[in-house]
Amino acid sequence: MEAGKHVIALVDDDRNILTSVFMMLEADGFIVQTYTDGESALQGLLSRPVDLVVLDIKMPRMDGIELLQRLRNRSQIPVIILSSKDEEIDQLMGLRLGADDYITKPFSQRLLLERIRALLRRHEVNKAENDGGINNGLVIRGALTLDDMRHQCRWHDQDIQLTVTEFLLTKALATRPGLVKSRDQLIDAAYGENIYVDDRTIDSHIKRIRKKFRQIDPEFNKIETLYGIGYRYKED
């Protein structure tokens, strides 16, 4: 792999999409791996790790939902899912299983490229900030510890595996306990400005974050919903 180049995996059984997106990403300087089904993708990704995965939901041999679930059992690698407009249930399922973002087909290649860039930036922003000496990379709120340098979340000294988006959302809330964050503010914190994301995407991420904490602590209630307003991290 060439130094400094990000490696992207494309998983889609539509060879026209695979070819056109491959050419677009390669022209933009990415190294690209392609797969036409979930089973071969899983085998390839386990042996040749990448920086980000773009995967379709509807595929032969192993669909995108199962592939995402198996990836999440092993890794918190950034994932963008592709889906048709009539696959809303699959979109929500993908987000609940830990996808960082989704794009609806048919899609603009420029939009996909911007989403990939934004997600890679989010994945690297904490390390970049710490390298620049902006902060010590730690957020400590009672039993919660967030470590930017290690991309580590701990609750009562137990590790919680969060995706990039989940980590940034948790950090945005925990950094200012008691302060209400609107969904738009959380979108900006997790996705960056000028990126459109449906409100339900944030709701799905919050549900998954709570579920992960409650697997360790069934009484976890630190993330509060203020209906019609947003969310806040409860003060100790």
C-alpha atoms as a PDB file:
ATOM      1  CA  MET A   1       0.000   0.000   0.000  1.00  0.00           C
ATOM      2  CA  GLU A   2       1.264   3.453  -0.876  1.00  0.00           C
ATOM      3  CA  ALA A   3       2.040   5.644   2.110  1.00  0.00           C
ATOM      4  CA  GLY A   4      -0.661   8.148   2.963  1.00  0.00           C
ATOM      5  CA  LYS A   5      -3.338   6.607   0.759  1.00  0.00           C
ATOM      6  CA  HIS A   6      -6.584   5.388   2.263  1.00  0.00           C
ATOM      7  CA  VAL A   7      -7.882   1.952   1.295  1.00  0.00           C
ATOM      8  CA  ILE A   8     -11.607   1.655   0.555  1.00  0.00           C
ATOM      9  CA  ALA A   9     -13.550  -1.593   0.133  1.00  0.00           C
ATOM     10  CA  LEU A  10     -16.563  -1.547  -2.232  1.00  0.00           C
ATOM     11  CA  VAL A  11     -19.053  -4.390  -1.845  1.00  0.00           C
ATOM     12  CA  ASP A  12     -21.892  -4.493  -4.400  1.00  0.00           C
ATOM     13  CA  ASP A  13     -23.230  -7.104  -6.814  1.00  0.00           C
ATOM     14  CA  ASP A  14     -24.088  -4.407  -9.379  1.00  0.00           C
ATOM     15  CA  ARG A  15     -20.967  -4.401 -11.544  1.00  0.00           C
ATOM     16  CA  ASN A  16     -21.898  -1.087 -13.189  1.00  0.00           C
ATOM     17  CA  ILE A  17     -21.928   0.643  -9.799  1.00  0.00           C
ATOM     18  CA  LEU A  18     -18.808  -1.210  -8.736  1.00  0.00           C
ATOM     19  CA  THR A  19     -16.895  -0.130 -11.851  1.00  0.00           C
ATOM     20  CA  SER A  20     -18.013   3.500 -11.881  1.00  0.00           C
ATOM     21  CA  VAL A  21     -17.394   4.063  -8.158  1.00  0.00           C
ATOM     22  CA  PHE A  22     -14.051   2.257  -8.376  1.00  0.00           C
ATOM     23  CA  MET A  23     -12.927   4.601 -11.168  1.00  0.00           C
ATOM     24  CA  MET A  24     -14.143   7.663  -9.301  1.00  0.00           C
ATOM     25  CA  LEU A  25     -12.360   6.743  -6.056  1.00  0.00           C
ATOM     26  CA  GLU A  26      -9.160   5.686  -7.798  1.00  0.00           C
ATOM     27  CA  ALA A  27      -9.102   8.979  -9.702  1.00  0.00           C
ATOM     28  CA  ASP A  28      -9.410  10.769  -6.357  1.00  0.00           C
ATOM     29  CA  GLY A  29      -6.338   8.991  -5.000  1.00  0.00           C
ATOM     30  CA  PHE A  30      -7.830   6.108  -3.042  1.00  0.00           C
ATOM     31  CA  ILE A  31      -6.715   2.495  -3.183  1.00  0.00           C
ATOM     32  CA  VAL A  32      -9.822   0.391  -3.820  1.00  0.00           C
ATOM     33  CA  GLN A  33     -10.705  -3.245  -3.173  1.00  0.00           C
ATOM     34  CA  THR A  34     -13.901  -4.583  -4.795  1.00  0.00           C
ATOM     35  CA  TYR A  35     -16.164  -7.509  -3.922  1.00  0.00           C
ATOM     36  CA  THR A  36     -19.414  -8.702  -5.523  1.00  0.00           C
ATOM     37  CA  ASP A  37     -20.896 -10.584  -2.554  1.00  0.00           C
ATOM     38  CA  GLY A  38     -20.777 -10.493   1.225  1.00  0.00           C
ATOM     39  CA  GLU A  39     -19.052 -13.826   1.711  1.00  0.00           C
ATOM     40  CA  SER A  40     -16.000 -13.011  -0.403  1.00  0.00           C
ATOM     41  CA  ALA A  41     -15.929  -9.526   1.128  1.00  0.00           C
ATOM     42  CA  LEU A  42     -15.786 -10.911   4.669  1.00  0.00           C
ATOM     43  CA  GLN A  43     -12.931 -13.245   3.774  1.00  0.00           C
ATOM     44  CA  GLY A  44     -11.041 -10.454   1.996  1.00  0.00           C
ATOM     45  CA  LEU A  45     -11.550  -7.854   4.724  1.00  0.00           C
ATOM     46  CA  LEU A  46     -10.335 -10.199   7.437  1.00  0.00           C
ATOM     47  CA  SER A  47      -7.121 -10.885   5.531  1.00  0.00           C
ATOM     48  CA  ARG A  48      -6.642  -7.411   4.005  1.00  0.00           C
ATOM     49  CA  PRO A  49      -7.953  -4.710   6.373  1.00  0.00           C
ATOM     50  CA  VAL A  50      -9.098  -1.390   4.898  1.00  0.00           C
ATOM     51  CA  ASP A  51      -9.806   2.123   6.197  1.00  0.00           C
ATOM     52  CA  LEU A  52     -13.495   2.226   5.246  1.00  0.00           C
ATOM     53  CA  VAL A  53     -16.165  -0.067   3.763  1.00  0.00           C
ATOM     54  CA  VAL A  54     -18.994   0.890   1.395  1.00  0.00           C
ATOM     55  CA  LEU A  55     -21.468  -1.970   1.122  1.00  0.00           C
ATOM     56  CA  ASP A  56     -24.784  -2.668  -0.553  1.00  0.00           C
ATOM     57  CA  ILE A  57     -27.610  -4.247   1.434  1.00  0.00           C
ATOM     58  CA  LYS A  58     -29.041  -6.591  -1.191  1.00  0.00           C
ATOM     59  CA  MET A  59     -26.360  -9.072  -2.289  1.00  0.00           C
ATOM     60  CA  PRO A  60     -26.064 -12.806  -2.980  1.00  0.00           C
ATOM     61  CA  ARG A  61     -24.433 -15.419  -0.691  1.00  0.00           C
ATOM     62  CA  MET A  62     -24.359 -13.015   2.265  1.00  0.00           C
ATOM     63  CA  ASP A  63     -26.326  -9.764   2.322  1.00  0.00           C
ATOM     64  CA  GLY A  64     -25.013  -6.453   3.583  1.00  0.00           C
ATOM     65  CA  ILE A  65     -26.827  -6.648   6.919  1.00  0.00           C
ATOM     66  CA  GLU A  66     -25.219  -9.977   7.812  1.00  0.00           C
ATOM     67  CA  LEU A  67     -21.831  -8.775   6.569  1.00  0.00           C
ATOM     68  CA  LEU A  68     -22.110  -5.638   8.712  1.00  0.00           C
ATOM     69  CA  GLN A  69     -23.047  -7.701  11.751  1.00  0.00           C
ATOM     70  CA  ARG A  70     -20.066 -10.009  11.283  1.00  0.00           C
ATOM     71  CA  LEU A  71     -17.715  -7.068  10.769  1.00  0.00           C
ATOM     72  CA  ARG A  72     -19.005  -5.393  13.923  1.00  0.00           C
ATOM     73  CA  ASN A  73     -18.281  -8.568  15.893  1.00  0.00           C
ATOM     74  CA  ARG A  74     -14.606  -8.089  14.991  1.00  0.00           C
ATOM     75  CA  SER A  75     -14.007  -4.420  14.222  1.00  0.00           C
ATOM     76  CA  GLN A  76     -15.231  -0.836  14.518  1.00  0.00           C
ATOM     77  CA  ILE A  77     -14.111  -0.001  10.973  1.00  0.00           C
ATOM     78  CA  PRO A  78     -16.120   2.874   9.417  1.00  0.00           C
ATOM     79  CA  VAL A  79     -19.006   1.578   7.271  1.00  0.00           C
ATOM     80  CA  ILE A  80     -21.358   3.297   4.810  1.00  0.00           C
ATOM     81  CA  ILE A  81     -24.330   1.270   3.594  1.00  0.00           C
ATOM     82  CA  LEU A  82     -26.072   1.662   0.226  1.00  0.00           C
ATOM     83  CA  SER A  83     -29.791   1.000  -0.039  1.00  0.00           C
ATOM     84  CA  SER A  84     -32.782   1.596  -2.314  1.00  0.00           C
ATOM     85  CA  LYS A  85     -35.481   4.095  -1.372  1.00  0.00           C
ATOM     86  CA  ASP A  86     -37.901   1.260  -0.510  1.00  0.00           C
ATOM     87  CA  GLU A  87     -35.474  -0.350   1.951  1.00  0.00           C
ATOM     88  CA  GLU A  88     -36.097   1.960   4.922  1.00  0.00           C
ATOM     89  CA  ILE A  89     -36.344  -0.947   7.377  1.00  0.00           C
ATOM     90  CA  ASP A  90     -32.966  -2.228   6.177  1.00  0.00           C
ATOM     91  CA  GLN A  91     -31.489   1.267   6.565  1.00  0.00           C
ATOM     92  CA  LEU A  92     -32.636   1.443  10.178  1.00  0.00           C
ATOM     93  CA  MET A  93     -31.426  -2.098  10.828  1.00  0.00           C
ATOM     94  CA  GLY A  94     -28.032  -1.189   9.390  1.00  0.00           C
ATOM     95  CA  LEU A  95     -27.746   1.854  11.644  1.00  0.00           C
ATOM     96  CA  ARG A  96     -28.784  -0.185  14.664  1.00  0.00           C
ATOM     97  CA  LEU A  97     -26.113  -2.762  13.847  1.00  0.00           C
ATOM     98  CA  GLY A  98     -23.469  -0.037  13.774  1.00  0.00           C
ATOM     99  CA  ALA A  99     -23.262   1.452  10.280  1.00  0.00           C
ATOM    100  CA  ASP A 100     -21.856   4.979  10.456  1.00  0.00           C
ATOM    101  CA  ASP A 101     -23.845   6.360   7.542  1.00  0.00           C
ATOM    102  CA  TYR A 102     -26.112   5.361   4.666  1.00  0.00           C
ATOM    103  CA  ILE A 103     -26.796   6.625   1.144  1.00  0.00           C
ATOM    104  CA  THR A 104     -29.931   5.937  -0.877  1.00  0.00           C
ATOM    105  CA  LYS A 105     -29.753   4.628  -4.458  1.00  0.00           C
ATOM    106  CA  PRO A 106     -29.659   6.090  -7.014  1.00  0.00           C
ATOM    107  CA  PHE A 107     -26.958   8.348  -5.604  1.00  0.00           C
ATOM    108  CA  SER A 108     -24.617  11.044  -6.792  1.00  0.00           C
ATOM    109  CA  GLN A 109     -21.009   9.883  -6.944  1.00  0.00           C
ATOM    110  CA  ARG A 110     -19.989  13.301  -5.689  1.00  0.00           C
ATOM    111  CA  LEU A 111     -22.229  12.832  -2.634  1.00  0.00           C
ATOM    112  CA  LEU A 112     -20.702   9.419  -1.933  1.00  0.00           C
ATOM    113  CA  LEU A 113     -17.207  10.859  -2.254  1.00  0.00           C
ATOM    114  CA  GLU A 114     -18.021  13.654   0.213  1.00  0.00           C
ATOM    115  CA  ARG A 115     -19.515  11.186   2.696  1.00  0.00           C
ATOM    116  CA  ILE A 116     -16.406   8.994   2.453  1.00  0.00           C
ATOM    117  CA  ARG A 117     -14.116  11.964   2.987  1.00  0.00           C
ATOM    118  CA  ALA A 118     -16.202  13.203   5.928  1.00  0.00           C
ATOM    119  CA  LEU A 119     -16.240   9.808   7.631  1.00  0.00           C
ATOM    120  CA  LEU A 120     -12.481   9.368   7.204  1.00  0.00           C
ATOM    121  CA  ARG A 121     -11.935  12.854   8.645  1.00  0.00           C
ATOM    122  CA  ARG A 122     -14.109  11.994  11.636  1.00  0.00           C
ATOM    123  CA  HIS A 123     -12.200   8.774  12.134  1.00  0.00           C
ATOM    124  CA  GLU A 124      -8.884  10.628  12.274  1.00  0.00           C
ATOM    125  CA  VAL A 125      -9.851  13.959  13.823  1.00  0.00           C
ATOM    126  CA  ASN A 126      -9.259  12.965  17.453  1.00  0.00           C
ATOM    127  CA  LYS A 127      -5.710  11.776  16.817  1.00  0.00           C
ATOM    128  CA  ALA A 128      -4.985  14.849  14.699  1.00  0.00           C
ATOM    129  CA  GLU A 129      -6.223  17.152  17.466  1.00  0.00           C
ATOM    130  CA  ASN A 130      -4.052  15.443  20.046  1.00  0.00           C
ATOM    131  CA  ASP A 131      -1.001  15.522  17.797  1.00  0.00           C
ATOM    132  CA  GLY A 132      -1.555  19.270  17.607  1.00  0.00           C
ATOM    133  CA  GLY A 133      -1.697  19.570  21.373  1.00  0.00           C
ATOM    134  CA  ILE A 134      -5.269  20.844  21.482  1.00  0.00           C
ATOM    135  CA  ASN A 135      -6.226  18.714  24.505  1.00  0.00           C
ATOM    136  CA  ASN A 136      -5.117  15.684  26.437  1.00  0.00           C
ATOM    137  CA  GLY A 137      -7.701  13.522  24.710  1.00  0.00           C
ATOM    138  CA  LEU A 138      -9.552  12.525  27.890  1.00  0.00           C
ATOM    139  CA  VAL A 139     -13.150  13.169  28.891  1.00  0.00           C
ATOM    140  CA  ILE A 140     -13.981  11.879  32.371  1.00  0.00           C
ATOM    141  CA  ARG A 141     -17.525  12.094  33.701  1.00  0.00           C
ATOM    142  CA  GLY A 142     -18.012   9.968  36.796  1.00  0.00           C
ATOM    143  CA  ALA A 143     -17.928   6.319  35.692  1.00  0.00           C
ATOM    144  CA  LEU A 144     -17.412   7.340  32.046  1.00  0.00           C
ATOM    145  CA  THR A 145     -13.982   7.742  30.465  1.00  0.00           C
ATOM    146  CA  LEU A 146     -13.489   8.652  26.800  1.00  0.00           C
ATOM    147  CA  ASP A 147      -9.941   8.466  25.467  1.00  0.00           C
ATOM    148  CA  ASP A 148      -9.465  10.118  22.063  1.00  0.00           C
ATOM    149  CA  MET A 149      -5.936   8.845  21.576  1.00  0.00           C
ATOM    150  CA  ARG A 150      -6.996   5.225  21.915  1.00  0.00           C
ATOM    151  CA  HIS A 151     -10.558   5.683  20.613  1.00  0.00           C
ATOM    152  CA  GLN A 152     -11.567   3.999  23.851  1.00  0.00           C
ATOM    153  CA  CYS A 153     -14.763   4.252  25.864  1.00  0.00           C
ATOM    154  CA  ARG A 154     -14.951   2.810  29.388  1.00  0.00           C
ATOM    155  CA  TRP A 155     -17.875   2.623  31.792  1.00  0.00           C
ATOM    156  CA  HIS A 156     -17.118   1.501  35.347  1.00  0.00           C
ATOM    157  CA  ASP A 157     -13.687   0.391  34.061  1.00  0.00           C
ATOM    158  CA  GLN A 158     -15.187  -1.885  31.407  1.00  0.00           C
ATOM    159  CA  ASP A 159     -14.550  -1.346  27.698  1.00  0.00           C
ATOM    160  CA  ILE A 160     -17.443  -0.439  25.420  1.00  0.00           C
ATOM    161  CA  GLN A 161     -16.774  -0.859  21.714  1.00  0.00           C
ATOM    162  CA  LEU A 162     -18.147   2.204  19.911  1.00  0.00           C
ATOM    163  CA  THR A 163     -18.055   2.987  16.209  1.00  0.00           C
ATOM    164  CA  VAL A 164     -16.569   6.294  15.061  1.00  0.00           C
ATOM    165  CA  THR A 165     -19.987   7.946  14.920  1.00  0.00           C
ATOM    166  CA  GLU A 166     -21.088   6.524  18.274  1.00  0.00           C
ATOM    167  CA  PHE A 167     -17.871   7.689  19.928  1.00  0.00           C
ATOM    168  CA  LEU A 168     -18.219  11.238  18.574  1.00  0.00           C
ATOM    169  CA  LEU A 169     -21.882  11.447  19.616  1.00  0.00           C
ATOM    170  CA  THR A 170     -21.078  10.214  23.123  1.00  0.00           C
ATOM    171  CA  LYS A 171     -18.223  12.686  23.363  1.00  0.00           C
ATOM    172  CA  ALA A 172     -20.399  15.583  22.147  1.00  0.00           C
ATOM    173  CA  LEU A 173     -22.939  14.863  24.878  1.00  0.00           C
ATOM    174  CA  ALA A 174     -20.538  14.014  27.719  1.00  0.00           C
ATOM    175  CA  THR A 175     -18.259  17.012  27.108  1.00  0.00           C
ATOM    176  CA  ARG A 176     -21.059  19.359  28.225  1.00  0.00           C
ATOM    177  CA  PRO A 177     -23.191  17.451  30.760  1.00  0.00           C
ATOM    178  CA  GLY A 178     -26.565  19.012  31.441  1.00  0.00           C
ATOM    179  CA  LEU A 179     -26.499  20.956  28.179  1.00  0.00           C
ATOM    180  CA  VAL A 180     -29.169  19.985  25.663  1.00  0.00           C
ATOM    181  CA  LYS A 181     -27.849  19.125  22.209  1.00  0.00           C
ATOM    182  CA  SER A 182     -30.266  19.341  19.306  1.00  0.00           C
ATOM    183  CA  ARG A 183     -30.169  16.687  16.614  1.00  0.00           C
ATOM    184  CA  ASP A 184     -28.681  19.244  14.230  1.00  0.00           C
ATOM    185  CA  GLN A 185     -25.875  19.974  16.692  1.00  0.00           C
ATOM    186  CA  LEU A 186     -25.216  16.256  17.095  1.00  0.00           C
ATOM    187  CA  ILE A 187     -25.182  15.810  13.325  1.00  0.00           C
ATOM    188  CA  ASP A 188     -22.549  18.558  13.062  1.00  0.00           C
ATOM    189  CA  ALA A 189     -20.494  16.963  15.856  1.00  0.00           C
ATOM    190  CA  ALA A 190     -20.561  13.481  14.337  1.00  0.00           C
ATOM    191  CA  TYR A 191     -20.732  14.139  10.602  1.00  0.00           C
ATOM    192  CA  GLY A 192     -19.346  17.636  10.128  1.00  0.00           C
ATOM    193  CA  GLU A 193     -21.094  20.736   8.871  1.00  0.00           C
ATOM    194  CA  ASN A 194     -22.907  20.880   5.523  1.00  0.00           C
ATOM    195  CA  ILE A 195     -23.633  17.127   5.565  1.00  0.00           C
ATOM    196  CA  TYR A 196     -27.342  16.259   5.432  1.00  0.00           C
ATOM    197  CA  VAL A 197     -28.377  13.392   7.695  1.00  0.00           C
ATOM    198  CA  ASP A 198     -31.936  12.433   8.594  1.00  0.00           C
ATOM    199  CA  ASP A 199     -32.901  12.973  12.249  1.00  0.00           C
ATOM    200  CA  ARG A 200     -33.798   9.293  12.543  1.00  0.00           C
ATOM    201  CA  THR A 201     -30.166   8.428  11.898  1.00  0.00           C
ATOM    202  CA  ILE A 202     -29.150  10.193  15.129  1.00  0.00           C
ATOM    203  CA  ASP A 203     -32.005   8.508  17.016  1.00  0.00           C
ATOM    204  CA  SER A 204     -30.829   5.092  15.804  1.00  0.00           C
ATOM    205  CA  HIS A 205     -27.250   5.793  16.875  1.00  0.00           C
ATOM    206  CA  ILE A 206     -28.389   6.951  20.329  1.00  0.00           C
ATOM    207  CA  LYS A 207     -30.468   3.782  20.773  1.00  0.00           C
ATOM    208  CA  ARG A 208     -27.443   1.663  19.896  1.00  0.00           C
ATOM    209  CA  ILE A 209     -25.169   3.622  22.263  1.00  0.00           C
ATOM    210  CA  ARG A 210     -27.633   3.109  25.127  1.00  0.00           C
ATOM    211  CA  LYS A 211     -27.911  -0.590  24.314  1.00  0.00           C
ATOM    212  CA  LYS A 212     -24.130  -1.005  24.478  1.00  0.00           C
ATOM    213  CA  PHE A 213     -23.903   0.720  27.862  1.00  0.00           C
ATOM    214  CA  ARG A 214     -26.843  -1.304  29.213  1.00  0.00           C
ATOM    215  CA  GLN A 215     -25.178  -4.559  28.251  1.00  0.00           C
ATOM    216  CA  ILE A 216     -22.657  -3.666  30.966  1.00  0.00           C
ATOM    217  CA  ASP A 217     -24.929  -1.667  33.250  1.00  0.00           C
ATOM    218  CA  PRO A 218     -28.691  -2.360  32.933  1.00  0.00           C
ATOM    219  CA  GLU A 219     -29.380   0.762  35.003  1.00  0.00           C
ATOM    220  CA  PHE A 220     -27.525   3.117  32.641  1.00  0.00           C
ATOM    221  CA  ASN A 221     -29.622   6.274  32.173  1.00  0.00           C
ATOM    222  CA  LYS A 222     -27.108   9.031  31.540  1.00  0.00           C
ATOM    223  CA  ILE A 223     -28.308   9.910  28.021  1.00  0.00           C
ATOM    224  CA  GLU A 224     -31.665  11.616  28.311  1.00  0.00           C
ATOM    225  CA  THR A 225     -34.171  12.307  25.540  1.00  0.00           C
ATOM    226  CA  LEU A 226     -35.923  15.668  25.520  1.00  0.00           C
ATOM    227  CA  TYR A 227     -38.735  15.027  23.071  1.00  0.00           C
ATOM    228  CA  GLY A 228     -38.919  17.580  20.305  1.00  0.00           C
ATOM    229  CA  ILE A 229     -35.624  19.155  21.417  1.00  0.00           C
ATOM    230  CA  GLY A 230     -32.744  16.677  21.448  1.00  0.00           C
ATOM    231  CA  TYR A 231     -30.547  14.832  23.938  1.00  0.00           C
ATOM    232  CA  ARG A 232     -28.359  15.597  26.924  1.00  0.00           C
ATOM    233  CA  TYR A 233     -25.889  13.793  29.152  1.00  0.00           C
ATOM    234  CA  LYS A 234     -27.177  13.811  32.717  1.00  0.00           C
ATOM    235  CA  GLU A 235     -25.001  15.605  35.225  1.00  0.00           C
ATOM    236  CA  ASP A 236     -23.626  13.593  38.176  1.00  0.00           C
END
